[in-house]
Amino acid sequence: MDFLQTTLCYLEKDGCYLMLHRVKKKNDANHDKWVGVGGKFEPGEDALACVMREVTEETGLTMQAPAYRGIVDFYCTPWPAERMHLYTCTQFAGTMTDCSEGTLEWVPKQAVQALPIWQGDKIFFDLLAKDAPFFHLELHYEGDTLAKAVLDGEKLALL
């Protein structure tokens, strides 16, 4: 299967994640959601090159030693399937800049689940909180509703 290849990263500092409140782009599927920073691969890029570029473009920060945490595959008709490479990073340098896609904010990790985030994101935030080993998560959406989630080949019960 051909996937749209993307990255997503959560920078971590002082018990917080750097979150992007998507409020600036028109026709944004993520409008008013809180997400990490990242984006689509450019020609010739691999996941690491993409996430390094995207984090710098969206935050002004340069990561040192990002951790590759998992792969999340999204399925939602009529959009193409998306393979997101998920990273976290605790070491970075630079001065944070404004993002053209939304507002950047450091959010305490325990407060993230209460934000307007995608239902499937709650699953990988839980995995990150438990310091789970590298994982493969499949998220099947029907519109904005999570219809099925499969973690490392095992179907998960949805709440």
Protein backbone atom coordinates (compact mmCIF):
# COMPACT_ATOMS: atom_id res chain seq x y z
CA MET A 1 0.00 0.00 0.00
CA ASP A 2 1.20 3.51 -0.80
CA PHE A 3 1.15 5.79 2.20
CA LEU A 4 1.47 9.54 2.50
CA GLN A 5 4.65 9.72 4.63
CA THR A 6 4.63 12.20 7.53
CA THR A 7 6.36 12.86 10.85
CA LEU A 8 5.17 14.11 14.21
CA CYS A 9 7.29 15.12 17.19
CA TYR A 10 6.59 16.03 20.79
CA LEU A 11 9.35 18.12 22.32
CA GLU A 12 9.54 17.61 26.10
CA LYS A 13 10.64 20.11 28.78
CA ASP A 14 9.89 20.42 32.51
CA GLY A 15 7.11 17.80 32.45
CA CYS A 16 5.44 19.44 29.44
CA TYR A 17 4.97 18.69 25.75
CA LEU A 18 5.27 21.44 23.15
CA MET A 19 1.83 21.40 21.54
CA LEU A 20 0.60 23.18 18.41
CA HIS A 21 -2.97 24.52 18.59
CA ARG A 22 -3.98 24.43 14.91
CA VAL A 23 -5.90 27.68 14.43
CA LYS A 24 -4.19 29.56 11.57
CA LYS A 25 -4.55 27.49 8.38
CA LYS A 26 -7.68 27.55 6.22
CA ASN A 27 -9.29 24.20 5.29
CA ASP A 28 -7.22 22.40 7.94
CA ALA A 29 -8.36 18.86 8.83
CA ASN A 30 -6.75 19.50 12.23
CA HIS A 31 -8.45 22.89 12.79
CA ASP A 32 -8.74 23.70 16.52
CA LYS A 33 -7.02 20.42 17.47
CA TRP A 34 -3.86 20.29 19.57
CA VAL A 35 -1.10 18.26 17.89
CA GLY A 36 2.67 17.93 17.88
CA VAL A 37 4.89 19.49 15.24
CA GLY A 38 5.78 17.77 12.01
CA GLY A 39 4.68 17.37 8.43
CA LYS A 40 5.03 15.66 5.09
CA PHE A 41 8.22 14.18 3.66
CA GLU A 42 9.88 16.16 0.90
CA PRO A 43 11.41 14.28 -2.07
CA GLY A 44 14.52 12.36 -1.02
CA GLU A 45 13.88 12.71 2.72
CA ASP A 46 13.70 9.90 5.24
CA ALA A 47 11.77 10.16 8.51
CA LEU A 48 14.65 11.62 10.53
CA ALA A 49 15.50 14.29 7.94
CA CYS A 50 11.83 15.23 7.67
CA VAL A 51 11.23 15.55 11.42
CA MET A 52 14.44 17.55 11.91
CA ARG A 53 13.43 19.99 9.14
CA GLU A 54 9.78 20.27 10.22
CA VAL A 55 10.57 20.93 13.90
CA THR A 56 13.01 23.69 12.94
CA GLU A 57 10.57 25.22 10.41
CA GLU A 58 7.62 25.19 12.82
CA THR A 59 9.37 26.08 16.10
CA GLY A 60 12.78 27.63 15.35
CA LEU A 61 14.34 24.93 17.56
CA THR A 62 17.00 22.43 16.50
CA MET A 63 16.69 18.93 17.95
CA GLN A 64 19.60 16.88 19.23
CA ALA A 65 19.04 13.10 19.48
CA PRO A 66 15.28 12.77 18.82
CA ALA A 67 13.87 9.38 19.88
CA TYR A 68 12.00 7.35 17.22
CA ARG A 69 9.03 6.02 19.20
CA GLY A 70 6.68 4.38 16.74
CA ILE A 71 4.77 4.26 13.48
CA VAL A 72 1.13 5.28 13.34
CA ASP A 73 -0.91 4.42 10.23
CA PHE A 74 -4.10 6.40 9.65
CA TYR A 75 -6.96 5.21 7.47
CA CYS A 76 -9.95 7.45 6.76
CA THR A 77 -11.93 7.44 3.52
CA PRO A 78 -11.74 9.42 1.23
CA TRP A 79 -8.20 10.54 2.22
CA PRO A 80 -5.10 8.56 1.28
CA ALA A 81 -3.63 6.30 3.95
CA GLU A 82 -1.00 8.12 6.02
CA ARG A 83 2.07 6.65 7.73
CA MET A 84 3.23 8.93 10.53
CA HIS A 85 6.65 8.46 12.08
CA LEU A 86 6.38 9.49 15.75
CA TYR A 87 9.27 11.05 17.67
CA THR A 88 9.90 12.63 21.05
CA CYS A 89 12.85 14.83 21.96
CA THR A 90 14.20 16.18 25.24
CA GLN A 91 17.34 17.86 23.88
CA PHE A 92 17.05 20.87 21.62
CA ALA A 93 18.55 24.32 21.19
CA GLY A 94 17.59 27.68 19.80
CA THR A 95 14.90 30.29 20.36
CA MET A 96 11.28 29.37 19.78
CA THR A 97 9.58 31.31 16.99
CA ASP A 98 5.95 31.75 15.99
CA CYS A 99 4.40 29.03 13.84
CA SER A 100 2.41 29.84 10.70
CA GLU A 101 0.05 26.89 11.36
CA GLY A 102 -1.07 27.74 14.88
CA THR A 103 -0.06 28.68 18.41
CA LEU A 104 2.79 26.84 20.15
CA GLU A 105 2.35 26.23 23.87
CA TRP A 106 4.10 24.15 26.54
CA VAL A 107 1.35 21.97 28.05
CA PRO A 108 1.79 19.82 31.20
CA LYS A 109 1.75 16.17 30.09
CA GLN A 110 -1.11 15.32 32.48
CA ALA A 111 -3.27 18.09 30.90
CA VAL A 112 -2.86 16.94 27.27
CA GLN A 113 -5.63 14.31 27.38
CA ALA A 114 -8.19 17.02 28.32
CA LEU A 115 -7.37 19.13 25.24
CA PRO A 116 -9.32 18.77 21.98
CA ILE A 117 -7.08 16.07 20.47
CA TRP A 118 -7.90 13.20 18.12
CA GLN A 119 -9.25 10.10 19.86
CA GLY A 120 -6.43 7.96 18.45
CA ASP A 121 -3.82 10.42 19.75
CA LYS A 122 -4.94 9.51 23.29
CA ILE A 123 -3.74 5.95 22.59
CA PHE A 124 -0.23 6.96 21.58
CA PHE A 125 0.02 9.54 24.37
CA ASP A 126 -0.72 6.69 26.79
CA LEU A 127 2.02 4.58 25.14
CA LEU A 128 4.48 7.47 25.42
CA ALA A 129 3.56 8.01 29.09
CA LYS A 130 4.24 4.31 29.79
CA ASP A 131 7.56 4.56 27.92
CA ALA A 132 6.38 1.72 25.68
CA PRO A 133 8.95 0.13 23.36
CA PHE A 134 8.79 0.98 19.65
CA PHE A 135 5.24 0.33 18.47
CA HIS A 136 3.09 0.13 15.35
CA LEU A 137 -0.41 1.57 15.76
CA GLU A 138 -3.14 1.47 13.11
CA LEU A 139 -5.98 3.97 13.51
CA HIS A 140 -9.10 3.58 11.37
CA TYR A 141 -11.42 6.60 11.35
CA GLU A 142 -14.92 7.09 10.01
CA GLY A 143 -15.03 10.86 9.67
CA ASP A 144 -13.82 12.27 13.01
CA THR A 145 -14.72 9.08 14.91
CA LEU A 146 -12.16 6.40 15.70
CA ALA A 147 -13.71 3.13 14.49
CA LYS A 148 -10.82 0.70 15.07
CA ALA A 149 -7.36 0.69 16.62
CA VAL A 150 -4.76 -2.06 16.25
CA LEU A 151 -1.56 -2.01 18.33
CA ASP A 152 1.28 -4.30 17.20
CA GLY A 153 -1.27 -6.57 15.46
CA GLU A 154 -3.74 -6.74 18.39
CA LYS A 155 -7.12 -5.02 18.14
CA LEU A 156 -7.72 -2.59 21.01
CA ALA A 157 -11.01 -2.06 22.80
CA LEU A 158 -12.23 1.49 22.18
CA LEU A 159 -13.67 3.59 24.99
